[in-house]
């Protein structure tokens, strides 16, 4: 069976809500067997013994079944296997489902939980959890939210409509509203719109502003202040990585709990869930591209530094 793209459907099921790895053998190459290619590609990363063990155990699979060590090299053939999942500290907060129909799932994600598998966060992600808990193995994200940011995330339940819902974000047809807690600066005029050019280099943790034509725009509004802290409403008009965090920091208002802005701090231990970043994706509003119905969703979460500051700041 093949998708419309021509890529075959995986013969392997998901594990723990995580898709198998798919690889395509190079169209050009001189490897006599698939084994020789797999050793060349993966031995340095996981060790030749591990590759051999996976072959012996039938863990590399083609469309016609597990491959053997002596299988001839077939240019362009697709293979699948399950990667060894990293050891992950469970994130002890639930993903709340605010809305679900045949096409969409709107989830209210907690702090510290990645949206999708990446790096060392694989099974402990909102996507993997929802696939398991809702029994929706083909669930996919329409967009992404930073691991440290809490709030609303849209997932697509019906793959036929994935492009339509992802297109809402690509074409900026979703009104997104965030809330943040940071220090109060009475001398800073608000509301204000911040525009700058943001870049993020591969391998670097933090984004940065550079001279040039602006590619990021955020509006910052004051919702209230007390005790030296303030609650802000943020409207991102673009979607650059860490845009709101960087723009708030550039205004002299770094968001509480931010380990990257204004400076990169030592990363907390994996089981340290204290002082979460005080940034919340509060609102998603859009016209459903399939039904034409206007949809509005609000996160039910609160920012602890504002609602329970002593608890949030406890050692």
C-alpha atoms as a PDB file:
ATOM      1  CA  UNK A   1       0.000   0.000   0.000  1.00  0.00           C
ATOM      2  CA  UNK A   2       1.253   3.483  -0.893  1.00  0.00           C
ATOM      3  CA  UNK A   3       0.278   7.002   0.082  1.00  0.00           C
ATOM      4  CA  UNK A   4      -0.539   9.664  -2.498  1.00  0.00           C
ATOM      5  CA  UNK A   5       3.099  10.765  -2.218  1.00  0.00           C
ATOM      6  CA  UNK A   6       4.195   7.350  -3.479  1.00  0.00           C
ATOM      7  CA  UNK A   7       5.891   6.468  -0.191  1.00  0.00           C
ATOM      8  CA  UNK A   8       4.772   3.022   1.062  1.00  0.00           C
ATOM      9  CA  UNK A   9       2.839   2.737   4.303  1.00  0.00           C
ATOM     10  CA  UNK A  10       4.968   1.309   7.099  1.00  0.00           C
ATOM     11  CA  UNK A  11       4.515  -2.429   7.674  1.00  0.00           C
ATOM     12  CA  UNK A  12       5.511  -1.885  11.318  1.00  0.00           C
ATOM     13  CA  UNK A  13       3.080  -0.580  13.955  1.00  0.00           C
ATOM     14  CA  UNK A  14       3.944   2.248  16.312  1.00  0.00           C
ATOM     15  CA  UNK A  15       5.572   1.560  19.662  1.00  0.00           C
ATOM     16  CA  UNK A  16       4.512   3.677  22.622  1.00  0.00           C
ATOM     17  CA  UNK A  17       2.886   6.088  20.155  1.00  0.00           C
ATOM     18  CA  UNK A  18       6.169   6.561  18.258  1.00  0.00           C
ATOM     19  CA  UNK A  19       6.494   5.869  14.525  1.00  0.00           C
ATOM     20  CA  UNK A  20       9.174   3.501  13.241  1.00  0.00           C
ATOM     21  CA  UNK A  21      12.137   5.054  11.468  1.00  0.00           C
ATOM     22  CA  UNK A  22      11.820   4.958   7.683  1.00  0.00           C
ATOM     23  CA  UNK A  23      14.882   4.969   5.449  1.00  0.00           C
ATOM     24  CA  UNK A  24      15.287   4.694   1.712  1.00  0.00           C
ATOM     25  CA  UNK A  25      18.305   2.928   0.264  1.00  0.00           C
ATOM     26  CA  UNK A  26      20.255   5.246  -2.071  1.00  0.00           C
ATOM     27  CA  UNK A  27      19.347   4.907  -5.735  1.00  0.00           C
ATOM     28  CA  UNK A  28      23.044   4.829  -6.626  1.00  0.00           C
ATOM     29  CA  UNK A  29      25.504   2.681  -4.703  1.00  0.00           C
ATOM     30  CA  UNK A  30      27.763  -0.337  -4.911  1.00  0.00           C
ATOM     31  CA  UNK A  31      26.813  -2.254  -1.767  1.00  0.00           C
ATOM     32  CA  UNK A  32      26.351  -5.969  -2.532  1.00  0.00           C
ATOM     33  CA  UNK A  33      23.832  -6.466   0.287  1.00  0.00           C
ATOM     34  CA  UNK A  34      21.512  -4.346   2.408  1.00  0.00           C
ATOM     35  CA  UNK A  35      23.595  -5.464   5.383  1.00  0.00           C
ATOM     36  CA  UNK A  36      26.716  -3.788   3.999  1.00  0.00           C
ATOM     37  CA  UNK A  37      24.867  -0.517   3.556  1.00  0.00           C
ATOM     38  CA  UNK A  38      23.293  -0.620   7.029  1.00  0.00           C
ATOM     39  CA  UNK A  39      26.670  -1.293   8.623  1.00  0.00           C
ATOM     40  CA  UNK A  40      28.223   1.620   6.769  1.00  0.00           C
ATOM     41  CA  UNK A  41      25.413   3.963   7.761  1.00  0.00           C
ATOM     42  CA  UNK A  42      24.768   2.982  11.379  1.00  0.00           C
ATOM     43  CA  UNK A  43      27.829   1.163  12.787  1.00  0.00           C
ATOM     44  CA  UNK A  44      29.545   4.380  13.859  1.00  0.00           C
ATOM     45  CA  UNK A  45      26.440   5.566  15.705  1.00  0.00           C
ATOM     46  CA  UNK A  46      25.230   2.390  17.434  1.00  0.00           C
ATOM     47  CA  UNK A  47      28.025  -0.128  16.851  1.00  0.00           C
ATOM     48  CA  UNK A  48      28.398  -2.912  14.291  1.00  0.00           C
ATOM     49  CA  UNK A  49      27.325  -5.510  16.866  1.00  0.00           C
ATOM     50  CA  UNK A  50      24.025  -3.731  17.408  1.00  0.00           C
ATOM     51  CA  UNK A  51      23.349  -3.556  13.670  1.00  0.00           C
ATOM     52  CA  UNK A  52      24.158  -7.262  13.296  1.00  0.00           C
ATOM     53  CA  UNK A  53      21.887  -8.099  16.233  1.00  0.00           C
ATOM     54  CA  UNK A  54      19.028  -6.121  14.695  1.00  0.00           C
ATOM     55  CA  UNK A  55      19.482  -7.992  11.422  1.00  0.00           C
ATOM     56  CA  UNK A  56      19.575 -11.336  13.200  1.00  0.00           C
ATOM     57  CA  UNK A  57      16.442 -10.384  15.119  1.00  0.00           C
ATOM     58  CA  UNK A  58      14.540  -9.326  12.012  1.00  0.00           C
ATOM     59  CA  UNK A  59      14.265  -5.746  13.244  1.00  0.00           C
ATOM     60  CA  UNK A  60      14.872  -4.200   9.810  1.00  0.00           C
ATOM     61  CA  UNK A  61      11.735  -4.679   7.748  1.00  0.00           C
ATOM     62  CA  UNK A  62      10.881  -4.144   4.087  1.00  0.00           C
ATOM     63  CA  UNK A  63       7.402  -4.215   2.594  1.00  0.00           C
ATOM     64  CA  UNK A  64       7.684  -7.958   2.079  1.00  0.00           C
ATOM     65  CA  UNK A  65       8.820  -8.685   5.627  1.00  0.00           C
ATOM     66  CA  UNK A  66      11.991  -8.705   7.781  1.00  0.00           C
ATOM     67  CA  UNK A  67      15.200  -8.589   5.774  1.00  0.00           C
ATOM     68  CA  UNK A  68      18.032 -11.073   6.173  1.00  0.00           C
ATOM     69  CA  UNK A  69      21.744 -10.364   6.335  1.00  0.00           C
ATOM     70  CA  UNK A  70      22.273 -11.708   2.828  1.00  0.00           C
ATOM     71  CA  UNK A  71      19.412  -9.777   1.189  1.00  0.00           C
ATOM     72  CA  UNK A  72      20.696  -8.168  -2.041  1.00  0.00           C
ATOM     73  CA  UNK A  73      20.963  -4.399  -2.090  1.00  0.00           C
ATOM     74  CA  UNK A  74      17.927  -2.964  -3.901  1.00  0.00           C
ATOM     75  CA  UNK A  75      18.393   0.703  -4.875  1.00  0.00           C
ATOM     76  CA  UNK A  76      15.553   2.931  -3.737  1.00  0.00           C
ATOM     77  CA  UNK A  77      13.969   0.311  -1.489  1.00  0.00           C
ATOM     78  CA  UNK A  78      12.286   1.481   1.716  1.00  0.00           C
ATOM     79  CA  UNK A  79      13.169  -0.120   5.052  1.00  0.00           C
ATOM     80  CA  UNK A  80      11.735   0.458   8.527  1.00  0.00           C
ATOM     81  CA  UNK A  81      12.930  -0.212  12.064  1.00  0.00           C
ATOM     82  CA  UNK A  82      12.180   0.886  15.596  1.00  0.00           C
ATOM     83  CA  UNK A  83      14.855   2.996  17.205  1.00  0.00           C
ATOM     84  CA  UNK A  84      15.896   2.248  20.751  1.00  0.00           C
ATOM     85  CA  UNK A  85      14.019   4.759  22.864  1.00  0.00           C
ATOM     86  CA  UNK A  86      16.100   6.938  25.175  1.00  0.00           C
ATOM     87  CA  UNK A  87      15.607   6.778  28.928  1.00  0.00           C
ATOM     88  CA  UNK A  88      13.138   9.536  29.723  1.00  0.00           C
ATOM     89  CA  UNK A  89      11.963  10.993  32.994  1.00  0.00           C
ATOM     90  CA  UNK A  90       8.147  10.883  32.951  1.00  0.00           C
ATOM     91  CA  UNK A  91       6.571  14.341  32.890  1.00  0.00           C
ATOM     92  CA  UNK A  92       4.085  14.119  35.779  1.00  0.00           C
ATOM     93  CA  UNK A  93       1.409  16.351  34.254  1.00  0.00           C
ATOM     94  CA  UNK A  94      -1.549  15.371  32.091  1.00  0.00           C
ATOM     95  CA  UNK A  95      -2.338  16.462  28.555  1.00  0.00           C
ATOM     96  CA  UNK A  96      -5.927  17.693  28.677  1.00  0.00           C
ATOM     97  CA  UNK A  97      -8.124  17.242  25.609  1.00  0.00           C
ATOM     98  CA  UNK A  98     -10.422  20.253  25.225  1.00  0.00           C
ATOM     99  CA  UNK A  99     -12.015  19.228  21.934  1.00  0.00           C
ATOM    100  CA  UNK A 100     -12.134  16.181  19.686  1.00  0.00           C
ATOM    101  CA  UNK A 101     -13.980  15.271  16.513  1.00  0.00           C
ATOM    102  CA  UNK A 102     -13.234  13.109  13.473  1.00  0.00           C
ATOM    103  CA  UNK A 103     -10.734  15.651  12.141  1.00  0.00           C
ATOM    104  CA  UNK A 104      -9.301  17.594  15.054  1.00  0.00           C
ATOM    105  CA  UNK A 105      -7.942  17.283  18.568  1.00  0.00           C
ATOM    106  CA  UNK A 106      -7.315  20.458  20.570  1.00  0.00           C
ATOM    107  CA  UNK A 107      -5.036  19.664  23.511  1.00  0.00           C
ATOM    108  CA  UNK A 108      -4.015  21.754  26.513  1.00  0.00           C
ATOM    109  CA  UNK A 109      -0.344  20.855  26.953  1.00  0.00           C
ATOM    110  CA  UNK A 110       1.482  21.163  30.276  1.00  0.00           C
ATOM    111  CA  UNK A 111       4.865  22.758  30.764  1.00  0.00           C
ATOM    112  CA  UNK A 112       7.931  20.509  30.265  1.00  0.00           C
ATOM    113  CA  UNK A 113       6.257  18.206  27.730  1.00  0.00           C
ATOM    114  CA  UNK A 114       7.497  18.395  24.145  1.00  0.00           C
ATOM    115  CA  UNK A 115       4.874  18.537  21.415  1.00  0.00           C
ATOM    116  CA  UNK A 116       6.482  15.955  19.115  1.00  0.00           C
ATOM    117  CA  UNK A 117       9.368  13.461  19.337  1.00  0.00           C
ATOM    118  CA  UNK A 118      12.745  15.133  18.954  1.00  0.00           C
ATOM    119  CA  UNK A 119      16.172  14.476  20.402  1.00  0.00           C
ATOM    120  CA  UNK A 120      15.948  12.888  23.830  1.00  0.00           C
ATOM    121  CA  UNK A 121      12.201  13.562  24.140  1.00  0.00           C
ATOM    122  CA  UNK A 122      10.397  10.776  22.275  1.00  0.00           C
ATOM    123  CA  UNK A 123       7.753   8.807  24.166  1.00  0.00           C
ATOM    124  CA  UNK A 124       7.353  11.625  26.692  1.00  0.00           C
ATOM    125  CA  UNK A 125       5.704  13.951  24.186  1.00  0.00           C
ATOM    126  CA  UNK A 126       2.162  15.205  23.727  1.00  0.00           C
ATOM    127  CA  UNK A 127       1.855  13.510  20.339  1.00  0.00           C
ATOM    128  CA  UNK A 128       2.956  10.074  21.571  1.00  0.00           C
ATOM    129  CA  UNK A 129       0.733  10.292  24.646  1.00  0.00           C
ATOM    130  CA  UNK A 130      -2.344  11.323  22.683  1.00  0.00           C
ATOM    131  CA  UNK A 131      -1.819   8.619  20.069  1.00  0.00           C
ATOM    132  CA  UNK A 132      -1.752   6.022  22.852  1.00  0.00           C
ATOM    133  CA  UNK A 133      -4.470   7.468  25.068  1.00  0.00           C
ATOM    134  CA  UNK A 134      -6.947   8.278  22.299  1.00  0.00           C
ATOM    135  CA  UNK A 135      -6.179   5.274  20.113  1.00  0.00           C
ATOM    136  CA  UNK A 136      -5.302   7.529  17.163  1.00  0.00           C
ATOM    137  CA  UNK A 137      -2.067   6.187  15.651  1.00  0.00           C
ATOM    138  CA  UNK A 138      -2.283   8.551  12.647  1.00  0.00           C
ATOM    139  CA  UNK A 139      -2.622  11.704  14.763  1.00  0.00           C
ATOM    140  CA  UNK A 140      -0.235  14.458  13.655  1.00  0.00           C
ATOM    141  CA  UNK A 141       0.505  18.036  14.776  1.00  0.00           C
ATOM    142  CA  UNK A 142      -0.809  21.021  12.835  1.00  0.00           C
ATOM    143  CA  UNK A 143       1.857  23.179  14.518  1.00  0.00           C
ATOM    144  CA  UNK A 144       4.241  22.990  17.460  1.00  0.00           C
ATOM    145  CA  UNK A 145       4.651  24.567  20.859  1.00  0.00           C
ATOM    146  CA  UNK A 146       7.952  24.849  22.735  1.00  0.00           C
ATOM    147  CA  UNK A 147       8.526  22.100  25.297  1.00  0.00           C
ATOM    148  CA  UNK A 148       8.725  24.655  28.111  1.00  0.00           C
ATOM    149  CA  UNK A 149       5.588  26.526  27.026  1.00  0.00           C
ATOM    150  CA  UNK A 150       2.163  25.336  28.166  1.00  0.00           C
ATOM    151  CA  UNK A 151      -1.154  25.718  26.434  1.00  0.00           C
ATOM    152  CA  UNK A 152      -3.128  24.989  23.294  1.00  0.00           C
ATOM    153  CA  UNK A 153      -1.906  22.736  20.498  1.00  0.00           C
ATOM    154  CA  UNK A 154      -3.896  21.604  17.456  1.00  0.00           C
ATOM    155  CA  UNK A 155      -3.539  18.019  16.213  1.00  0.00           C
ATOM    156  CA  UNK A 156      -5.038  16.523  13.058  1.00  0.00           C
ATOM    157  CA  UNK A 157      -6.848  13.204  13.485  1.00  0.00           C
ATOM    158  CA  UNK A 158      -7.705  12.586   9.810  1.00  0.00           C
ATOM    159  CA  UNK A 159      -4.611  12.543   7.564  1.00  0.00           C
ATOM    160  CA  UNK A 160      -6.730  13.589   4.584  1.00  0.00           C
ATOM    161  CA  UNK A 161      -7.145  17.041   6.138  1.00  0.00           C
ATOM    162  CA  UNK A 162      -3.600  17.484   7.475  1.00  0.00           C
ATOM    163  CA  UNK A 163      -2.602  19.969   4.775  1.00  0.00           C
ATOM    164  CA  UNK A 164      -5.699  22.097   5.283  1.00  0.00           C
ATOM    165  CA  UNK A 165      -5.128  22.548   9.025  1.00  0.00           C
ATOM    166  CA  UNK A 166      -1.375  22.964   8.773  1.00  0.00           C
ATOM    167  CA  UNK A 167      -2.048  25.590   6.109  1.00  0.00           C
ATOM    168  CA  UNK A 168      -3.939  27.683   8.658  1.00  0.00           C
ATOM    169  CA  UNK A 169      -0.675  28.259  10.511  1.00  0.00           C
ATOM    170  CA  UNK A 170       1.514  28.530   7.427  1.00  0.00           C
ATOM    171  CA  UNK A 171      -0.711  31.298   6.047  1.00  0.00           C
ATOM    172  CA  UNK A 172      -1.230  33.021   9.433  1.00  0.00           C
ATOM    173  CA  UNK A 173      -4.955  32.369   9.486  1.00  0.00           C
ATOM    174  CA  UNK A 174      -4.988  31.484  13.196  1.00  0.00           C
ATOM    175  CA  UNK A 175      -5.309  34.161  15.851  1.00  0.00           C
ATOM    176  CA  UNK A 176      -2.956  33.129  18.638  1.00  0.00           C
ATOM    177  CA  UNK A 177      -2.890  34.793  22.013  1.00  0.00           C
ATOM    178  CA  UNK A 178      -0.367  34.072  24.766  1.00  0.00           C
ATOM    179  CA  UNK A 179       0.031  35.155  28.367  1.00  0.00           C
ATOM    180  CA  UNK A 180       3.283  35.669  30.247  1.00  0.00           C
ATOM    181  CA  UNK A 181       4.481  36.765  33.664  1.00  0.00           C
ATOM    182  CA  UNK A 182       7.559  38.975  33.948  1.00  0.00           C
ATOM    183  CA  UNK A 183       8.737  41.909  35.998  1.00  0.00           C
ATOM    184  CA  UNK A 184       6.793  45.182  35.859  1.00  0.00           C
ATOM    185  CA  UNK A 185       8.515  48.200  34.333  1.00  0.00           C
ATOM    186  CA  UNK A 186       6.388  51.339  34.784  1.00  0.00           C
ATOM    187  CA  UNK A 187       8.728  53.264  32.471  1.00  0.00           C
ATOM    188  CA  UNK A 188       8.076  50.975  29.502  1.00  0.00           C
ATOM    189  CA  UNK A 189       5.255  52.289  27.279  1.00  0.00           C
ATOM    190  CA  UNK A 190       2.685  49.596  26.531  1.00  0.00           C
ATOM    191  CA  UNK A 191       1.085  48.333  24.389  1.00  0.00           C
ATOM    192  CA  UNK A 192       3.861  48.131  21.842  1.00  0.00           C
ATOM    193  CA  UNK A 193       4.705  46.187  18.715  1.00  0.00           C
ATOM    194  CA  UNK A 194       8.186  44.716  18.471  1.00  0.00           C
ATOM    195  CA  UNK A 195       9.718  43.936  15.082  1.00  0.00           C
ATOM    196  CA  UNK A 196      13.158  42.441  14.502  1.00  0.00           C
ATOM    197  CA  UNK A 197      15.099  39.936  12.459  1.00  0.00           C
ATOM    198  CA  UNK A 198      15.489  36.642  14.350  1.00  0.00           C
ATOM    199  CA  UNK A 199      17.819  33.796  13.405  1.00  0.00           C
ATOM    200  CA  UNK A 200      18.490  30.464  15.068  1.00  0.00           C
ATOM    201  CA  UNK A 201      21.592  28.576  14.061  1.00  0.00           C
ATOM    202  CA  UNK A 202      21.650  24.801  13.992  1.00  0.00           C
ATOM    203  CA  UNK A 203      23.188  23.450  17.191  1.00  0.00           C
ATOM    204  CA  UNK A 204      22.536  26.630  19.204  1.00  0.00           C
ATOM    205  CA  UNK A 205      19.997  26.604  22.019  1.00  0.00           C
ATOM    206  CA  UNK A 206      18.909  30.222  21.767  1.00  0.00           C
ATOM    207  CA  UNK A 207      17.688  32.384  18.921  1.00  0.00           C
ATOM    208  CA  UNK A 208      19.147  35.853  18.478  1.00  0.00           C
ATOM    209  CA  UNK A 209      18.314  39.162  16.879  1.00  0.00           C
ATOM    210  CA  UNK A 210      20.504  40.372  14.011  1.00  0.00           C
ATOM    211  CA  UNK A 211      20.499  43.459  11.796  1.00  0.00           C
ATOM    212  CA  UNK A 212      18.372  43.265   8.691  1.00  0.00           C
ATOM    213  CA  UNK A 213      14.817  43.196   7.381  1.00  0.00           C
ATOM    214  CA  UNK A 214      12.441  42.181  10.215  1.00  0.00           C
ATOM    215  CA  UNK A 215      11.017  38.665   9.953  1.00  0.00           C
ATOM    216  CA  UNK A 216       9.340  38.570  13.381  1.00  0.00           C
ATOM    217  CA  UNK A 217       6.605  40.724  14.880  1.00  0.00           C
ATOM    218  CA  UNK A 218       4.979  40.579  18.327  1.00  0.00           C
ATOM    219  CA  UNK A 219       2.513  42.814  20.130  1.00  0.00           C
ATOM    220  CA  UNK A 220       2.894  43.168  23.903  1.00  0.00           C
ATOM    221  CA  UNK A 221       0.044  44.377  26.122  1.00  0.00           C
ATOM    222  CA  UNK A 222      -0.152  44.859  29.888  1.00  0.00           C
ATOM    223  CA  UNK A 223      -2.978  42.967  31.597  1.00  0.00           C
ATOM    224  CA  UNK A 224      -2.188  43.918  35.190  1.00  0.00           C
ATOM    225  CA  UNK A 225       0.588  44.273  37.751  1.00  0.00           C
ATOM    226  CA  UNK A 226       1.184  43.765  41.457  1.00  0.00           C
ATOM    227  CA  UNK A 227       4.149  43.271  43.762  1.00  0.00           C
ATOM    228  CA  UNK A 228       6.721  44.066  41.103  1.00  0.00           C
ATOM    229  CA  UNK A 229       5.359  41.493  38.658  1.00  0.00           C
ATOM    230  CA  UNK A 230       3.066  41.941  35.685  1.00  0.00           C
ATOM    231  CA  UNK A 231       0.871  39.752  33.514  1.00  0.00           C
ATOM    232  CA  UNK A 232       1.157  40.376  29.797  1.00  0.00           C
ATOM    233  CA  UNK A 233      -0.909  39.458  26.749  1.00  0.00           C
ATOM    234  CA  UNK A 234       1.238  38.591  23.733  1.00  0.00           C
ATOM    235  CA  UNK A 235       0.159  38.396  20.091  1.00  0.00           C
ATOM    236  CA  UNK A 236       2.710  36.793  17.752  1.00  0.00           C
ATOM    237  CA  UNK A 237       2.058  37.899  14.169  1.00  0.00           C
ATOM    238  CA  UNK A 238       4.820  35.598  12.954  1.00  0.00           C
ATOM    239  CA  UNK A 239       6.107  32.258  14.233  1.00  0.00           C
ATOM    240  CA  UNK A 240       9.895  32.371  14.655  1.00  0.00           C
ATOM    241  CA  UNK A 241      11.513  30.010  17.152  1.00  0.00           C
ATOM    242  CA  UNK A 242      11.344  31.496  20.677  1.00  0.00           C
ATOM    243  CA  UNK A 243      10.027  34.739  19.197  1.00  0.00           C
ATOM    244  CA  UNK A 244       7.951  35.838  22.199  1.00  0.00           C
ATOM    245  CA  UNK A 245      10.630  34.881  24.689  1.00  0.00           C
ATOM    246  CA  UNK A 246      13.278  36.800  22.780  1.00  0.00           C
ATOM    247  CA  UNK A 247      11.105  39.877  22.188  1.00  0.00           C
ATOM    248  CA  UNK A 248      10.108  40.065  25.845  1.00  0.00           C
ATOM    249  CA  UNK A 249      13.733  39.785  26.893  1.00  0.00           C
ATOM    250  CA  UNK A 250      14.775  42.444  24.374  1.00  0.00           C
ATOM    251  CA  UNK A 251      12.255  44.802  26.027  1.00  0.00           C
ATOM    252  CA  UNK A 252      13.903  44.196  29.392  1.00  0.00           C
ATOM    253  CA  UNK A 253      11.092  41.868  30.472  1.00  0.00           C
ATOM    254  CA  UNK A 254      12.499  38.330  30.428  1.00  0.00           C
ATOM    255  CA  UNK A 255       9.730  35.835  31.148  1.00  0.00           C
ATOM    256  CA  UNK A 256       9.995  34.231  34.574  1.00  0.00           C
ATOM    257  CA  UNK A 257      11.523  30.768  34.516  1.00  0.00           C
ATOM    258  CA  UNK A 258      13.239  31.231  31.146  1.00  0.00           C
ATOM    259  CA  UNK A 259      16.567  29.321  31.066  1.00  0.00           C
ATOM    260  CA  UNK A 260      17.674  30.843  27.726  1.00  0.00           C
ATOM    261  CA  UNK A 261      16.835  34.551  27.733  1.00  0.00           C
ATOM    262  CA  UNK A 262      18.467  36.935  28.412  1.00  0.00           C
ATOM    263  CA  UNK A 263      21.294  34.423  28.936  1.00  0.00           C
ATOM    264  CA  UNK A 264      21.665  30.672  28.631  1.00  0.00           C
ATOM    265  CA  UNK A 265      21.669  29.114  32.097  1.00  0.00           C
ATOM    266  CA  UNK A 266      22.621  25.643  33.253  1.00  0.00           C
ATOM    267  CA  UNK A 267      19.909  23.197  32.218  1.00  0.00           C
ATOM    268  CA  UNK A 268      17.810  21.929  35.143  1.00  0.00           C
ATOM    269  CA  UNK A 269      17.912  18.238  36.022  1.00  0.00           C
ATOM    270  CA  UNK A 270      15.439  16.112  34.016  1.00  0.00           C
ATOM    271  CA  UNK A 271      13.298  15.557  37.107  1.00  0.00           C
ATOM    272  CA  UNK A 272      13.291  19.230  38.180  1.00  0.00           C
ATOM    273  CA  UNK A 273       9.801  20.502  37.378  1.00  0.00           C
ATOM    274  CA  UNK A 274       9.994  23.576  39.597  1.00  0.00           C
ATOM    275  CA  UNK A 275       9.597  27.119  38.285  1.00  0.00           C
ATOM    276  CA  UNK A 276       8.152  26.364  34.841  1.00  0.00           C
ATOM    277  CA  UNK A 277       8.499  29.009  32.164  1.00  0.00           C
ATOM    278  CA  UNK A 278       5.672  31.464  32.732  1.00  0.00           C
ATOM    279  CA  UNK A 279       4.415  31.441  29.176  1.00  0.00           C
ATOM    280  CA  UNK A 280       1.023  30.072  28.162  1.00  0.00           C
ATOM    281  CA  UNK A 281      -0.608  29.662  24.749  1.00  0.00           C
ATOM    282  CA  UNK A 282      -3.979  30.913  25.956  1.00  0.00           C
ATOM    283  CA  UNK A 283      -6.155  31.228  22.824  1.00  0.00           C
ATOM    284  CA  UNK A 284      -6.561  29.702  19.362  1.00  0.00           C
ATOM    285  CA  UNK A 285      -9.172  31.188  17.020  1.00  0.00           C
ATOM    286  CA  UNK A 286      -9.676  30.154  13.409  1.00  0.00           C
ATOM    287  CA  UNK A 287     -12.215  29.310  10.733  1.00  0.00           C
ATOM    288  CA  UNK A 288     -12.308  25.552  10.211  1.00  0.00           C
ATOM    289  CA  UNK A 289     -11.131  25.003   6.625  1.00  0.00           C
ATOM    290  CA  UNK A 290     -13.354  21.928   6.244  1.00  0.00           C
ATOM    291  CA  UNK A 291     -16.621  23.041   7.834  1.00  0.00           C
ATOM    292  CA  UNK A 292     -16.322  26.826   7.577  1.00  0.00           C
ATOM    293  CA  UNK A 293     -17.269  27.152  11.268  1.00  0.00           C
ATOM    294  CA  UNK A 294     -15.484  29.757  13.382  1.00  0.00           C
ATOM    295  CA  UNK A 295     -13.720  28.040  16.312  1.00  0.00           C
ATOM    296  CA  UNK A 296     -12.434  29.606  19.523  1.00  0.00           C
ATOM    297  CA  UNK A 297     -10.553  27.720  22.260  1.00  0.00           C
ATOM    298  CA  UNK A 298      -9.119  28.911  25.573  1.00  0.00           C
ATOM    299  CA  UNK A 299      -6.565  27.127  27.739  1.00  0.00           C
ATOM    300  CA  UNK A 300      -7.750  26.211  31.214  1.00  0.00           C
ATOM    301  CA  UNK A 301      -4.264  26.433  32.668  1.00  0.00           C
ATOM    302  CA  UNK A 302      -2.959  29.261  34.810  1.00  0.00           C
ATOM    303  CA  UNK A 303       0.498  30.748  35.295  1.00  0.00           C
ATOM    304  CA  UNK A 304       1.570  29.874  38.833  1.00  0.00           C
ATOM    305  CA  UNK A 305       3.874  32.875  39.294  1.00  0.00           C
ATOM    306  CA  UNK A 306       0.745  35.030  39.022  1.00  0.00           C
ATOM    307  CA  UNK A 307      -1.888  32.876  40.747  1.00  0.00           C
ATOM    308  CA  UNK A 308       0.363  31.318  43.426  1.00  0.00           C
ATOM    309  CA  UNK A 309       3.697  33.208  43.400  1.00  0.00           C
ATOM    310  CA  UNK A 310       4.986  31.807  46.686  1.00  0.00           C
ATOM    311  CA  UNK A 311       4.332  28.251  45.514  1.00  0.00           C
ATOM    312  CA  UNK A 312       5.991  28.861  42.142  1.00  0.00           C
ATOM    313  CA  UNK A 313       9.072  30.419  43.767  1.00  0.00           C
ATOM    314  CA  UNK A 314       9.409  27.756  46.483  1.00  0.00           C
ATOM    315  CA  UNK A 315      12.862  26.074  46.616  1.00  0.00           C
END
